[in-house]
Amino acid sequence: MKFLKNNICTILALTLILSVVMMSDASAASVFDTARDKLSRLFKDTKNTLFVVGGFGLIALAFQAIFGKLKWAWFAALALGLAVVAAAGKIVDYAASDTGDKTTGITGGMSDTY
């Protein structure tokens, strides 16, 4: 028992290394493809929710700025932030594309912009 307590990190590291080495390439590719697809879908869904909440925020900040309760800079900052979020998918596709044509992006990537 003392051996296990003293060497648990080494045993776990060796187990992890051996399991990664023994895995086939097909299973690793499918895992990463699934993770990429799920993260892409999560990004798109989160972006849609953010636009709905941000739209209501823009309306509220516009009314407050018109009546002098708030600075116009806050309204402009929220509008600029929503514009950056709208372009984020295309920016990621541009940066991550390994093809010569940087305008098309990755097939099945996050290539949606508003």
N, C-alpha and C. Protein backbone atom coordinates (compact mmCIF):
# COMPACT_ATOMS: atom_id res chain seq x y z
N MET A 1 0.81 -1.19 0.00
CA MET A 1 0.00 0.00 0.00
C MET A 1 0.86 1.26 0.00
N LYS A 2 1.98 1.19 0.70
CA LYS A 2 2.88 2.34 0.75
C LYS A 2 3.47 2.61 -0.63
N PHE A 3 3.71 1.56 -1.40
CA PHE A 3 4.24 1.72 -2.75
C PHE A 3 3.25 2.50 -3.62
N LEU A 4 1.95 2.16 -3.52
CA LEU A 4 0.94 2.86 -4.31
C LEU A 4 0.83 4.32 -3.90
N LYS A 5 0.88 4.61 -2.61
CA LYS A 5 0.79 5.99 -2.14
C LYS A 5 1.97 6.83 -2.63
N ASN A 6 3.13 6.25 -2.63
CA ASN A 6 4.33 6.99 -3.02
C ASN A 6 4.45 7.18 -4.53
N ASN A 7 3.90 6.26 -5.29
CA ASN A 7 4.10 6.28 -6.74
C ASN A 7 2.81 6.44 -7.53
N ILE A 8 1.76 6.99 -6.94
CA ILE A 8 0.47 7.10 -7.64
C ILE A 8 0.57 8.02 -8.85
N CYS A 9 1.32 9.10 -8.75
CA CYS A 9 1.45 10.02 -9.89
C CYS A 9 2.18 9.36 -11.05
N THR A 10 3.21 8.59 -10.75
CA THR A 10 3.95 7.91 -11.80
C THR A 10 3.09 6.85 -12.47
N ILE A 11 2.35 6.11 -11.69
CA ILE A 11 1.48 5.07 -12.25
C ILE A 11 0.40 5.69 -13.12
N LEU A 12 -0.21 6.77 -12.68
CA LEU A 12 -1.24 7.43 -13.47
C LEU A 12 -0.67 8.03 -14.75
N ALA A 13 0.52 8.59 -14.68
CA ALA A 13 1.14 9.17 -15.87
C ALA A 13 1.46 8.08 -16.89
N LEU A 14 2.00 6.98 -16.43
CA LEU A 14 2.29 5.87 -17.34
C LEU A 14 1.02 5.29 -17.95
N THR A 15 -0.04 5.19 -17.16
CA THR A 15 -1.32 4.70 -17.67
C THR A 15 -1.86 5.63 -18.74
N LEU A 16 -1.78 6.92 -18.51
CA LEU A 16 -2.25 7.89 -19.49
C LEU A 16 -1.42 7.83 -20.77
N ILE A 17 -0.13 7.77 -20.63
CA ILE A 17 0.74 7.71 -21.81
C ILE A 17 0.49 6.45 -22.62
N LEU A 18 0.37 5.31 -21.95
CA LEU A 18 0.12 4.06 -22.66
C LEU A 18 -1.25 4.05 -23.33
N SER A 19 -2.25 4.62 -22.68
CA SER A 19 -3.58 4.65 -23.31
C SER A 19 -3.60 5.56 -24.53
N VAL A 20 -2.86 6.67 -24.50
CA VAL A 20 -2.78 7.55 -25.66
C VAL A 20 -2.00 6.89 -26.79
N VAL A 21 -0.93 6.20 -26.46
CA VAL A 21 -0.11 5.54 -27.47
C VAL A 21 -0.88 4.40 -28.12
N MET A 22 -1.65 3.67 -27.35
CA MET A 22 -2.36 2.51 -27.87
C MET A 22 -3.62 2.88 -28.67
N MET A 23 -4.09 4.12 -28.55
CA MET A 23 -5.29 4.52 -29.28
C MET A 23 -4.99 4.60 -30.77
N SER A 24 -5.98 4.24 -31.55
CA SER A 24 -5.79 4.36 -33.00
C SER A 24 -6.03 5.80 -33.44
N ASP A 25 -5.57 6.11 -34.63
CA ASP A 25 -5.73 7.46 -35.15
C ASP A 25 -7.19 7.78 -35.43
N ALA A 26 -7.97 6.79 -35.83
CA ALA A 26 -9.36 7.04 -36.17
C ALA A 26 -10.16 7.48 -34.96
N SER A 27 -9.92 6.90 -33.81
CA SER A 27 -10.69 7.29 -32.64
C SER A 27 -10.31 8.69 -32.18
N ALA A 28 -9.02 9.05 -32.27
CA ALA A 28 -8.61 10.40 -31.89
C ALA A 28 -9.20 11.43 -32.84
N ALA A 29 -9.23 11.12 -34.12
CA ALA A 29 -9.80 12.05 -35.09
C ALA A 29 -11.29 12.24 -34.86
N SER A 30 -11.99 11.17 -34.58
CA SER A 30 -13.43 11.31 -34.37
C SER A 30 -13.74 12.07 -33.09
N VAL A 31 -12.90 11.89 -32.07
CA VAL A 31 -13.11 12.63 -30.82
C VAL A 31 -12.91 14.12 -31.05
N PHE A 32 -11.85 14.48 -31.75
CA PHE A 32 -11.59 15.90 -31.98
C PHE A 32 -12.59 16.51 -32.95
N ASP A 33 -13.06 15.74 -33.93
CA ASP A 33 -14.10 16.24 -34.83
C ASP A 33 -15.39 16.49 -34.07
N THR A 34 -15.75 15.57 -33.19
CA THR A 34 -16.95 15.75 -32.38
C THR A 34 -16.82 16.96 -31.47
N ALA A 35 -15.66 17.11 -30.84
CA ALA A 35 -15.44 18.26 -29.96
C ALA A 35 -15.50 19.56 -30.74
N ARG A 36 -14.90 19.59 -31.95
CA ARG A 36 -14.94 20.80 -32.77
C ARG A 36 -16.37 21.15 -33.17
N ASP A 37 -17.15 20.14 -33.55
CA ASP A 37 -18.53 20.40 -33.96
C ASP A 37 -19.38 20.90 -32.79
N LYS A 38 -19.19 20.30 -31.62
CA LYS A 38 -19.96 20.74 -30.45
C LYS A 38 -19.58 22.15 -30.01
N LEU A 39 -18.29 22.46 -30.05
CA LEU A 39 -17.86 23.82 -29.68
C LEU A 39 -18.35 24.85 -30.69
N SER A 40 -18.37 24.48 -31.96
CA SER A 40 -18.87 25.39 -32.98
C SER A 40 -20.36 25.66 -32.77
N ARG A 41 -21.12 24.61 -32.49
CA ARG A 41 -22.56 24.78 -32.24
C ARG A 41 -22.80 25.60 -30.97
N LEU A 42 -21.99 25.36 -29.92
CA LEU A 42 -22.12 26.12 -28.69
C LEU A 42 -21.83 27.60 -28.94
N PHE A 43 -20.79 27.89 -29.73
CA PHE A 43 -20.46 29.27 -30.05
C PHE A 43 -21.60 29.96 -30.79
N LYS A 44 -22.19 29.28 -31.77
CA LYS A 44 -23.29 29.86 -32.54
C LYS A 44 -24.51 30.10 -31.67
N ASP A 45 -24.85 29.14 -30.81
CA ASP A 45 -26.02 29.30 -29.94
C ASP A 45 -25.80 30.40 -28.91
N THR A 46 -24.59 30.47 -28.37
CA THR A 46 -24.29 31.51 -27.40
C THR A 46 -24.32 32.89 -28.06
N LYS A 47 -23.84 32.95 -29.29
CA LYS A 47 -23.85 34.22 -30.01
C LYS A 47 -25.28 34.70 -30.27
N ASN A 48 -26.17 33.79 -30.61
CA ASN A 48 -27.56 34.18 -30.83
C ASN A 48 -28.19 34.70 -29.55
N THR A 49 -27.94 34.03 -28.42
CA THR A 49 -28.48 34.50 -27.14
C THR A 49 -27.89 35.86 -26.78
N LEU A 50 -26.60 36.03 -27.02
CA LEU A 50 -25.95 37.29 -26.72
C LEU A 50 -26.53 38.43 -27.55
N PHE A 51 -26.89 38.16 -28.80
CA PHE A 51 -27.47 39.21 -29.64
C PHE A 51 -28.86 39.61 -29.16
N VAL A 52 -29.64 38.67 -28.67
CA VAL A 52 -30.97 39.01 -28.16
C VAL A 52 -30.83 39.89 -26.92
N VAL A 53 -30.00 39.48 -25.97
CA VAL A 53 -29.80 40.27 -24.75
C VAL A 53 -29.15 41.61 -25.08
N GLY A 54 -28.16 41.61 -25.99
CA GLY A 54 -27.50 42.85 -26.38
C GLY A 54 -28.42 43.81 -27.10
N GLY A 55 -29.37 43.28 -27.88
CA GLY A 55 -30.34 44.14 -28.55
C GLY A 55 -31.22 44.89 -27.57
N PHE A 56 -31.69 44.16 -26.56
CA PHE A 56 -32.48 44.84 -25.52
C PHE A 56 -31.63 45.84 -24.76
N GLY A 57 -30.36 45.51 -24.54
CA GLY A 57 -29.45 46.44 -23.87
C GLY A 57 -29.21 47.69 -24.69
N LEU A 58 -29.08 47.53 -26.02
CA LEU A 58 -28.92 48.71 -26.88
C LEU A 58 -30.13 49.62 -26.82
N ILE A 59 -31.30 49.03 -26.82
CA ILE A 59 -32.53 49.84 -26.74
C ILE A 59 -32.58 50.59 -25.41
N ALA A 60 -32.28 49.90 -24.31
CA ALA A 60 -32.31 50.54 -22.99
C ALA A 60 -31.26 51.64 -22.89
N LEU A 61 -30.06 51.38 -23.37
CA LEU A 61 -29.02 52.40 -23.31
C LEU A 61 -29.32 53.58 -24.22
N ALA A 62 -29.96 53.34 -25.35
CA ALA A 62 -30.32 54.44 -26.24
C ALA A 62 -31.33 55.36 -25.58
N PHE A 63 -32.35 54.79 -24.94
CA PHE A 63 -33.34 55.63 -24.25
C PHE A 63 -32.70 56.42 -23.11
N GLN A 64 -31.82 55.77 -22.35
CA GLN A 64 -31.17 56.47 -21.25
C GLN A 64 -30.23 57.56 -21.76
N ALA A 65 -29.56 57.31 -22.87
CA ALA A 65 -28.65 58.32 -23.42
C ALA A 65 -29.43 59.50 -24.00
N ILE A 66 -30.58 59.22 -24.62
CA ILE A 66 -31.40 60.31 -25.18
C ILE A 66 -31.89 61.23 -24.08
N PHE A 67 -32.28 60.66 -22.95
CA PHE A 67 -32.80 61.48 -21.86
C PHE A 67 -31.72 61.98 -20.91
N GLY A 68 -30.45 61.75 -21.24
CA GLY A 68 -29.35 62.33 -20.48
C GLY A 68 -28.99 61.58 -19.21
N LYS A 69 -29.45 60.39 -19.01
CA LYS A 69 -29.13 59.63 -17.80
C LYS A 69 -27.83 58.85 -17.94
N LEU A 70 -27.33 58.72 -19.15
CA LEU A 70 -26.17 57.88 -19.42
C LEU A 70 -25.34 58.51 -20.53
N LYS A 71 -24.04 58.25 -20.53
CA LYS A 71 -23.18 58.77 -21.58
C LYS A 71 -23.37 57.98 -22.87
N TRP A 72 -23.22 58.67 -23.99
CA TRP A 72 -23.32 58.02 -25.28
C TRP A 72 -22.18 57.04 -25.52
N ALA A 73 -21.08 57.22 -24.82
CA ALA A 73 -19.93 56.32 -24.99
C ALA A 73 -20.27 54.89 -24.57
N TRP A 74 -21.12 54.73 -23.57
CA TRP A 74 -21.52 53.39 -23.14
C TRP A 74 -22.35 52.72 -24.22
N PHE A 75 -23.23 53.48 -24.83
CA PHE A 75 -24.03 52.94 -25.94
C PHE A 75 -23.13 52.52 -27.10
N ALA A 76 -22.16 53.37 -27.43
CA ALA A 76 -21.23 53.06 -28.52
C ALA A 76 -20.36 51.85 -28.18
N ALA A 77 -19.96 51.71 -26.92
CA ALA A 77 -19.14 50.57 -26.52
C ALA A 77 -19.92 49.26 -26.66
N LEU A 78 -21.19 49.26 -26.28
CA LEU A 78 -22.00 48.05 -26.43
C LEU A 78 -22.22 47.72 -27.90
N ALA A 79 -22.48 48.73 -28.72
CA ALA A 79 -22.66 48.50 -30.15
C ALA A 79 -21.38 47.96 -30.79
N LEU A 80 -20.23 48.50 -30.41
CA LEU A 80 -18.96 48.02 -30.94
C LEU A 80 -18.67 46.59 -30.47
N GLY A 81 -18.99 46.30 -29.23
CA GLY A 81 -18.81 44.95 -28.71
C GLY A 81 -19.66 43.93 -29.45
N LEU A 82 -20.90 44.29 -29.75
CA LEU A 82 -21.77 43.38 -30.52
C LEU A 82 -21.26 43.20 -31.94
N ALA A 83 -20.66 44.25 -32.51
CA ALA A 83 -20.09 44.12 -33.85
C ALA A 83 -18.89 43.18 -33.85
N VAL A 84 -18.07 43.24 -32.81
CA VAL A 84 -16.93 42.34 -32.70
C VAL A 84 -17.39 40.90 -32.55
N VAL A 85 -18.42 40.68 -31.75
CA VAL A 85 -18.96 39.33 -31.57
C VAL A 85 -19.54 38.81 -32.89
N ALA A 86 -20.15 39.70 -33.66
CA ALA A 86 -20.72 39.29 -34.94
C ALA A 86 -19.64 38.85 -35.92
N ALA A 87 -18.48 39.46 -35.85
CA ALA A 87 -17.40 39.12 -36.77
C ALA A 87 -16.47 38.05 -36.23
N ALA A 88 -16.67 37.61 -35.00
CA ALA A 88 -15.73 36.68 -34.36
C ALA A 88 -15.63 35.35 -35.10
N GLY A 89 -16.73 34.81 -35.58
CA GLY A 89 -16.69 33.53 -36.28
C GLY A 89 -15.85 33.60 -37.54
N LYS A 90 -16.01 34.65 -38.31
CA LYS A 90 -15.24 34.81 -39.53
C LYS A 90 -13.77 35.07 -39.23
N ILE A 91 -13.48 35.77 -38.15
CA ILE A 91 -12.09 36.01 -37.76
C ILE A 91 -11.41 34.71 -37.38
N VAL A 92 -12.11 33.86 -36.64
CA VAL A 92 -11.55 32.55 -36.27
C VAL A 92 -11.33 31.71 -37.51
N ASP A 93 -12.27 31.71 -38.44
CA ASP A 93 -12.10 30.95 -39.67
C ASP A 93 -10.92 31.47 -40.48
N TYR A 94 -10.75 32.77 -40.53
CA TYR A 94 -9.63 33.37 -41.28
C TYR A 94 -8.29 32.97 -40.66
N ALA A 95 -8.22 33.02 -39.33
CA ALA A 95 -6.96 32.71 -38.66
C ALA A 95 -6.64 31.22 -38.69
N ALA A 96 -7.65 30.37 -38.70
CA ALA A 96 -7.43 28.93 -38.60
C ALA A 96 -7.42 28.23 -39.95
N SER A 97 -7.64 28.95 -41.03
CA SER A 97 -7.69 28.32 -42.34
C SER A 97 -6.29 27.94 -42.79
N ASP A 98 -6.16 26.70 -43.29
CA ASP A 98 -4.86 26.26 -43.78
C ASP A 98 -4.81 26.21 -45.30
N THR A 99 -5.86 26.69 -45.95
CA THR A 99 -5.87 26.73 -47.40
C THR A 99 -5.29 28.06 -47.87
N GLY A 100 -4.98 28.15 -49.14
CA GLY A 100 -4.44 29.39 -49.67
C GLY A 100 -5.48 30.50 -49.74
N ASP A 101 -6.75 30.12 -49.92
CA ASP A 101 -7.82 31.09 -50.01
C ASP A 101 -8.36 31.38 -48.62
N LYS A 102 -8.03 32.53 -48.06
CA LYS A 102 -8.43 32.86 -46.70
C LYS A 102 -9.86 33.40 -46.62
N THR A 103 -10.54 33.55 -47.73
CA THR A 103 -11.87 34.13 -47.68
C THR A 103 -12.96 33.10 -47.43
N THR A 104 -12.71 31.84 -47.75
CA THR A 104 -13.76 30.83 -47.61
C THR A 104 -13.84 30.26 -46.22
N GLY A 105 -12.74 30.15 -45.52
CA GLY A 105 -12.75 29.59 -44.18
C GLY A 105 -12.79 28.08 -44.19
N ILE A 106 -12.94 27.52 -43.04
CA ILE A 106 -12.95 26.06 -42.88
C ILE A 106 -14.34 25.55 -43.19
N THR A 107 -14.43 24.46 -43.95
CA THR A 107 -15.72 23.86 -44.23
C THR A 107 -16.29 23.32 -42.94
N GLY A 108 -17.51 23.72 -42.62
CA GLY A 108 -18.16 23.27 -41.40
C GLY A 108 -17.68 24.00 -40.16
N GLY A 109 -16.95 25.08 -40.33
CA GLY A 109 -16.43 25.84 -39.20
C GLY A 109 -17.46 26.83 -38.67
N MET A 110 -16.97 27.92 -38.13
CA MET A 110 -17.85 28.92 -37.54
C MET A 110 -18.06 30.08 -38.50
N SER A 111 -18.34 29.82 -39.73
CA SER A 111 -18.35 30.84 -40.76
C SER A 111 -19.66 31.62 -40.84
N ASP A 112 -20.36 31.78 -39.73
CA ASP A 112 -21.57 32.59 -39.77
C ASP A 112 -21.28 33.97 -39.19
N THR A 113 -21.72 34.99 -39.90
CA THR A 113 -21.62 36.35 -39.40
C THR A 113 -22.97 37.01 -39.62
N TYR A 114 -23.21 38.05 -38.85
CA TYR A 114 -24.47 38.77 -38.98
C TYR A 114 -24.22 40.11 -39.61
